[in-house]
PDB file of N, CA and C in Angstrom:
ATOM      1  N   UNK A   1      97.196 105.649 113.663  1.00  0.00           N
ATOM      2  CA  UNK A   1      96.486 104.519 113.102  1.00  0.00           C
ATOM      3  C   UNK A   1      95.243 104.991 112.359  1.00  0.00           C
ATOM      4  N   UNK A   2      94.547 105.968 112.906  1.00  0.00           N
ATOM      5  CA  UNK A   2      93.319 106.427 112.274  1.00  0.00           C
ATOM      6  C   UNK A   2      93.569 106.983 110.874  1.00  0.00           C
ATOM      7  N   UNK A   3      94.706 107.586 110.660  1.00  0.00           N
ATOM      8  CA  UNK A   3      95.026 108.132 109.341  1.00  0.00           C
ATOM      9  C   UNK A   3      95.220 107.034 108.307  1.00  0.00           C
ATOM     10  N   UNK A   4      95.522 105.827 108.740  1.00  0.00           N
ATOM     11  CA  UNK A   4      95.788 104.711 107.832  1.00  0.00           C
ATOM     12  C   UNK A   4      94.530 103.925 107.471  1.00  0.00           C
ATOM     13  N   UNK A   5      93.468 104.099 108.225  1.00  0.00           N
ATOM     14  CA  UNK A   5      92.236 103.334 107.989  1.00  0.00           C
ATOM     15  C   UNK A   5      91.531 103.887 106.758  1.00  0.00           C
ATOM     16  N   UNK A   6      91.310 103.038 105.772  1.00  0.00           N
ATOM     17  CA  UNK A   6      90.676 103.484 104.533  1.00  0.00           C
ATOM     18  C   UNK A   6      89.622 102.500 104.025  1.00  0.00           C
ATOM     19  N   UNK A   7      89.259 101.538 104.801  1.00  0.00           N
ATOM     20  CA  UNK A   7      88.267 100.488 104.486  1.00  0.00           C
ATOM     21  C   UNK A   7      88.711  99.552 103.363  1.00  0.00           C
ATOM     22  N   UNK A   8      89.953  99.639 102.942  1.00  0.00           N
ATOM     23  CA  UNK A   8      90.477  98.729 101.930  1.00  0.00           C
ATOM     24  C   UNK A   8      91.585  97.850 102.488  1.00  0.00           C
ATOM     25  N   UNK A   9      92.305  98.347 103.480  1.00  0.00           N
ATOM     26  CA  UNK A   9      93.427  97.599 104.036  1.00  0.00           C
ATOM     27  C   UNK A   9      93.008  96.886 105.311  1.00  0.00           C
ATOM     28  N   UNK A  10      93.613  95.745 105.542  1.00  0.00           N
ATOM     29  CA  UNK A  10      93.347  95.006 106.775  1.00  0.00           C
ATOM     30  C   UNK A  10      94.109  95.657 107.923  1.00  0.00           C
ATOM     31  N   UNK A  11      93.750  95.279 109.130  1.00  0.00           N
ATOM     32  CA  UNK A  11      94.459  95.800 110.298  1.00  0.00           C
ATOM     33  C   UNK A  11      95.923  95.386 110.231  1.00  0.00           C
ATOM     34  N   UNK A  12      96.171  94.175 109.787  1.00  0.00           N
ATOM     35  CA  UNK A  12      97.546  93.694 109.643  1.00  0.00           C
ATOM     36  C   UNK A  12      98.339  94.569 108.674  1.00  0.00           C
ATOM     37  N   UNK A  13      97.737  94.933 107.569  1.00  0.00           N
ATOM     38  CA  UNK A  13      98.405  95.803 106.603  1.00  0.00           C
ATOM     39  C   UNK A  13      98.677  97.183 107.197  1.00  0.00           C
ATOM     40  N   UNK A  14      97.726  97.694 107.932  1.00  0.00           N
ATOM     41  CA  UNK A  14      97.904  99.006 108.560  1.00  0.00           C
ATOM     42  C   UNK A  14      99.045  98.960 109.564  1.00  0.00           C
ATOM     43  N   UNK A  15      99.104  97.880 110.348  1.00  0.00           N
ATOM     44  CA  UNK A  15     100.146  97.776 111.373  1.00  0.00           C
ATOM     45  C   UNK A  15     101.527  97.517 110.785  1.00  0.00           C
ATOM     46  N   UNK A  16     101.603  97.159 109.528  1.00  0.00           N
ATOM     47  CA  UNK A  16     102.913  96.963 108.906  1.00  0.00           C
ATOM     48  C   UNK A  16     103.493  98.280 108.394  1.00  0.00           C
ATOM     49  N   UNK A  17     102.726  99.356 108.498  1.00  0.00           N
ATOM     50  CA  UNK A  17     103.188 100.679 108.079  1.00  0.00           C
ATOM     51  C   UNK A  17     104.406 101.091 108.906  1.00  0.00           C
ATOM     52  N   UNK A  18     105.285 101.874 108.318  1.00  0.00           N
ATOM     53  CA  UNK A  18     106.533 102.290 108.964  1.00  0.00           C
ATOM     54  C   UNK A  18     106.311 102.966 110.319  1.00  0.00           C
ATOM     55  N   UNK A  19     105.183 103.632 110.481  1.00  0.00           N
ATOM     56  CA  UNK A  19     104.883 104.306 111.752  1.00  0.00           C
ATOM     57  C   UNK A  19     104.882 103.304 112.909  1.00  0.00           C
ATOM     58  N   UNK A  20     104.366 102.118 112.651  1.00  0.00           N
ATOM     59  CA  UNK A  20     104.227 101.109 113.703  1.00  0.00           C
ATOM     60  C   UNK A  20     105.398 100.136 113.755  1.00  0.00           C
ATOM     61  N   UNK A  21     106.237 100.142 112.746  1.00  0.00           N
ATOM     62  CA  UNK A  21     107.344  99.187 112.666  1.00  0.00           C
ATOM     63  C   UNK A  21     108.343  99.332 113.814  1.00  0.00           C
ATOM     64  N   UNK A  22     108.358 100.472 114.449  1.00  0.00           N
ATOM     65  CA  UNK A  22     109.283 100.709 115.562  1.00  0.00           C
ATOM     66  C   UNK A  22     108.887  99.930 116.811  1.00  0.00           C
ATOM     67  N   UNK A  23     107.626  99.539 116.889  1.00  0.00           N
ATOM     68  CA  UNK A  23     107.128  98.815 118.059  1.00  0.00           C
ATOM     69  C   UNK A  23     107.245  97.313 117.853  1.00  0.00           C
ATOM     70  N   UNK A  24     107.327  96.591 118.953  1.00  0.00           N
ATOM     71  CA  UNK A  24     107.338  95.137 118.906  1.00  0.00           C
ATOM     72  C   UNK A  24     105.977  94.639 118.410  1.00  0.00           C
ATOM     73  N   UNK A  25     105.949  93.513 117.707  1.00  0.00           N
ATOM     74  CA  UNK A  25     104.673  92.993 117.189  1.00  0.00           C
ATOM     75  C   UNK A  25     103.592  92.838 118.260  1.00  0.00           C
ATOM     76  N   UNK A  26     103.963  92.387 119.430  1.00  0.00           N
ATOM     77  CA  UNK A  26     102.972  92.221 120.504  1.00  0.00           C
ATOM     78  C   UNK A  26     102.381  93.564 120.922  1.00  0.00           C
ATOM     79  N   UNK A  27     103.205  94.595 120.979  1.00  0.00           N
ATOM     80  CA  UNK A  27     102.732  95.929 121.341  1.00  0.00           C
ATOM     81  C   UNK A  27     101.804  96.477 120.257  1.00  0.00           C
ATOM     82  N   UNK A  28     102.146  96.236 118.998  1.00  0.00           N
ATOM     83  CA  UNK A  28     101.292  96.681 117.891  1.00  0.00           C
ATOM     84  C   UNK A  28      99.929  96.025 117.979  1.00  0.00           C
ATOM     85  N   UNK A  29      99.924  94.738 118.281  1.00  0.00           N
ATOM     86  CA  UNK A  29      98.671  94.003 118.389  1.00  0.00           C
ATOM     87  C   UNK A  29      97.812  94.536 119.532  1.00  0.00           C
ATOM     88  N   UNK A  30      98.417  94.758 120.682  1.00  0.00           N
ATOM     89  CA  UNK A  30      97.680  95.296 121.839  1.00  0.00           C
ATOM     90  C   UNK A  30      97.107  96.672 121.524  1.00  0.00           C
ATOM     91  N   UNK A  31      97.909  97.508 120.880  1.00  0.00           N
ATOM     92  CA  UNK A  31      97.473  98.847 120.521  1.00  0.00           C
ATOM     93  C   UNK A  31      96.286  98.788 119.554  1.00  0.00           C
ATOM     94  N   UNK A  32      96.403  97.940 118.534  1.00  0.00           N
ATOM     95  CA  UNK A  32      95.326  97.819 117.546  1.00  0.00           C
ATOM     96  C   UNK A  32      94.035  97.331 118.187  1.00  0.00           C
ATOM     97  N   UNK A  33      94.144  96.353 119.068  1.00  0.00           N
ATOM     98  CA  UNK A  33      92.945  95.844 119.744  1.00  0.00           C
ATOM     99  C   UNK A  33      92.284  96.931 120.570  1.00  0.00           C
ATOM    100  N   UNK A  34      93.092  97.700 121.298  1.00  0.00           N
ATOM    101  CA  UNK A  34      92.542  98.763 122.144  1.00  0.00           C
ATOM    102  C   UNK A  34      91.860  99.838 121.293  1.00  0.00           C
ATOM    103  N   UNK A  35      92.497 100.247 120.208  1.00  0.00           N
ATOM    104  CA  UNK A  35      91.916 101.273 119.336  1.00  0.00           C
ATOM    105  C   UNK A  35      90.625 100.764 118.709  1.00  0.00           C
ATOM    106  N   UNK A  36      90.658  99.566 118.169  1.00  0.00           N
ATOM    107  CA  UNK A  36      89.466  99.010 117.525  1.00  0.00           C
ATOM    108  C   UNK A  36      88.326  98.823 118.515  1.00  0.00           C
ATOM    109  N   UNK A  37      88.637  98.381 119.722  1.00  0.00           N
ATOM    110  CA  UNK A  37      87.589  98.206 120.729  1.00  0.00           C
ATOM    111  C   UNK A  37      86.937  99.545 121.067  1.00  0.00           C
ATOM    112  N   UNK A  38      87.747 100.582 121.256  1.00  0.00           N
ATOM    113  CA  UNK A  38      87.182 101.904 121.567  1.00  0.00           C
ATOM    114  C   UNK A  38      86.324 102.429 120.413  1.00  0.00           C
ATOM    115  N   UNK A  39      86.804 102.245 119.199  1.00  0.00           N
ATOM    116  CA  UNK A  39      86.044 102.726 118.044  1.00  0.00           C
ATOM    117  C   UNK A  39      84.736 101.954 117.900  1.00  0.00           C
ATOM    118  N   UNK A  40      84.785 100.634 118.103  1.00  0.00           N
ATOM    119  CA  UNK A  40      83.586  99.807 118.003  1.00  0.00           C
ATOM    120  C   UNK A  40      82.566 100.200 119.069  1.00  0.00           C
ATOM    121  N   UNK A  41      83.028 100.370 120.305  1.00  0.00           N
ATOM    122  CA  UNK A  41      82.117 100.737 121.391  1.00  0.00           C
ATOM    123  C   UNK A  41      81.490 102.112 121.164  1.00  0.00           C
ATOM    124  N   UNK A  42      82.197 102.975 120.449  1.00  0.00           N
ATOM    125  CA  UNK A  42      81.682 104.314 120.154  1.00  0.00           C
ATOM    126  C   UNK A  42      80.802 104.332 118.910  1.00  0.00           C
ATOM    127  N   UNK A  43      80.707 103.207 118.219  1.00  0.00           N
ATOM    128  CA  UNK A  43      79.868 103.115 117.036  1.00  0.00           C
ATOM    129  C   UNK A  43      80.546 103.584 115.761  1.00  0.00           C
ATOM    130  N   UNK A  44      81.871 103.715 115.781  1.00  0.00           N
ATOM    131  CA  UNK A  44      82.604 104.194 114.616  1.00  0.00           C
ATOM    132  C   UNK A  44      83.234 103.078 113.790  1.00  0.00           C
ATOM    133  N   UNK A  45      83.072 101.856 114.223  1.00  0.00           N
ATOM    134  CA  UNK A  45      83.711 100.743 113.533  1.00  0.00           C
ATOM    135  C   UNK A  45      82.687  99.630 113.374  1.00  0.00           C
ATOM    136  N   UNK A  46      82.507  99.202 112.147  1.00  0.00           N
ATOM    137  CA  UNK A  46      81.568  98.132 111.863  1.00  0.00           C
ATOM    138  C   UNK A  46      82.318  96.982 111.227  1.00  0.00           C
ATOM    139  N   UNK A  47      81.918  95.782 111.554  1.00  0.00           N
ATOM    140  CA  UNK A  47      82.531  94.585 110.987  1.00  0.00           C
ATOM    141  C   UNK A  47      81.505  93.872 110.131  1.00  0.00           C
ATOM    142  N   UNK A  48      81.972  93.327 109.050  1.00  0.00           N
ATOM    143  CA  UNK A  48      81.097  92.551 108.186  1.00  0.00           C
ATOM    144  C   UNK A  48      81.853  91.347 107.658  1.00  0.00           C
ATOM    145  N   UNK A  49      81.128  90.417 107.139  1.00  0.00           N
ATOM    146  CA  UNK A  49      81.740  89.236 106.554  1.00  0.00           C
ATOM    147  C   UNK A  49      82.185  89.540 105.135  1.00  0.00           C
ATOM    148  N   UNK A  50      83.310  89.012 104.790  1.00  0.00           N
ATOM    149  CA  UNK A  50      83.769  89.125 103.407  1.00  0.00           C
ATOM    150  C   UNK A  50      82.896  88.239 102.534  1.00  0.00           C
ATOM    151  N   UNK A  51      82.587  88.699 101.363  1.00  0.00           N
ATOM    152  CA  UNK A  51      81.773  87.885 100.471  1.00  0.00           C
ATOM    153  C   UNK A  51      82.677  86.990  99.642  1.00  0.00           C
ATOM    154  N   UNK A  52      82.185  85.823  99.347  1.00  0.00           N
ATOM    155  CA  UNK A  52      82.930  84.871  98.524  1.00  0.00           C
ATOM    156  C   UNK A  52      82.165  84.645  97.239  1.00  0.00           C
ATOM    157  N   UNK A  53      82.880  84.601  96.155  1.00  0.00           N
ATOM    158  CA  UNK A  53      82.253  84.256  94.892  1.00  0.00           C
ATOM    159  C   UNK A  53      82.158  82.739  94.810  1.00  0.00           C
ATOM    160  N   UNK A  54      80.997  82.269  94.530  1.00  0.00           N
ATOM    161  CA  UNK A  54      80.796  80.833  94.413  1.00  0.00           C
ATOM    162  C   UNK A  54      81.184  80.382  93.009  1.00  0.00           C
ATOM    163  N   UNK A  55      81.835  79.269  92.957  1.00  0.00           N
ATOM    164  CA  UNK A  55      82.211  78.715  91.645  1.00  0.00           C
ATOM    165  C   UNK A  55      80.948  78.317  90.896  1.00  0.00           C
ATOM    166  N   UNK A  56      80.833  78.754  89.656  1.00  0.00           N
ATOM    167  CA  UNK A  56      79.625  78.503  88.894  1.00  0.00           C
ATOM    168  C   UNK A  56      79.737  77.296  88.098  1.00  0.00           C
TER     169      UNK A  56
END
């Protein structure tokens, strides 16, 4: 999973990669949550809000 993280793709997009396709969707979700939680707790993962362009 770490090799797929590039700050452009969503977690959903990463989990749709062929590497993870062999697992059941529920297992992929559990795995992603566990990895992201560990990375966040270690200070390696930051979350931010997506910006929206306001209609002018």
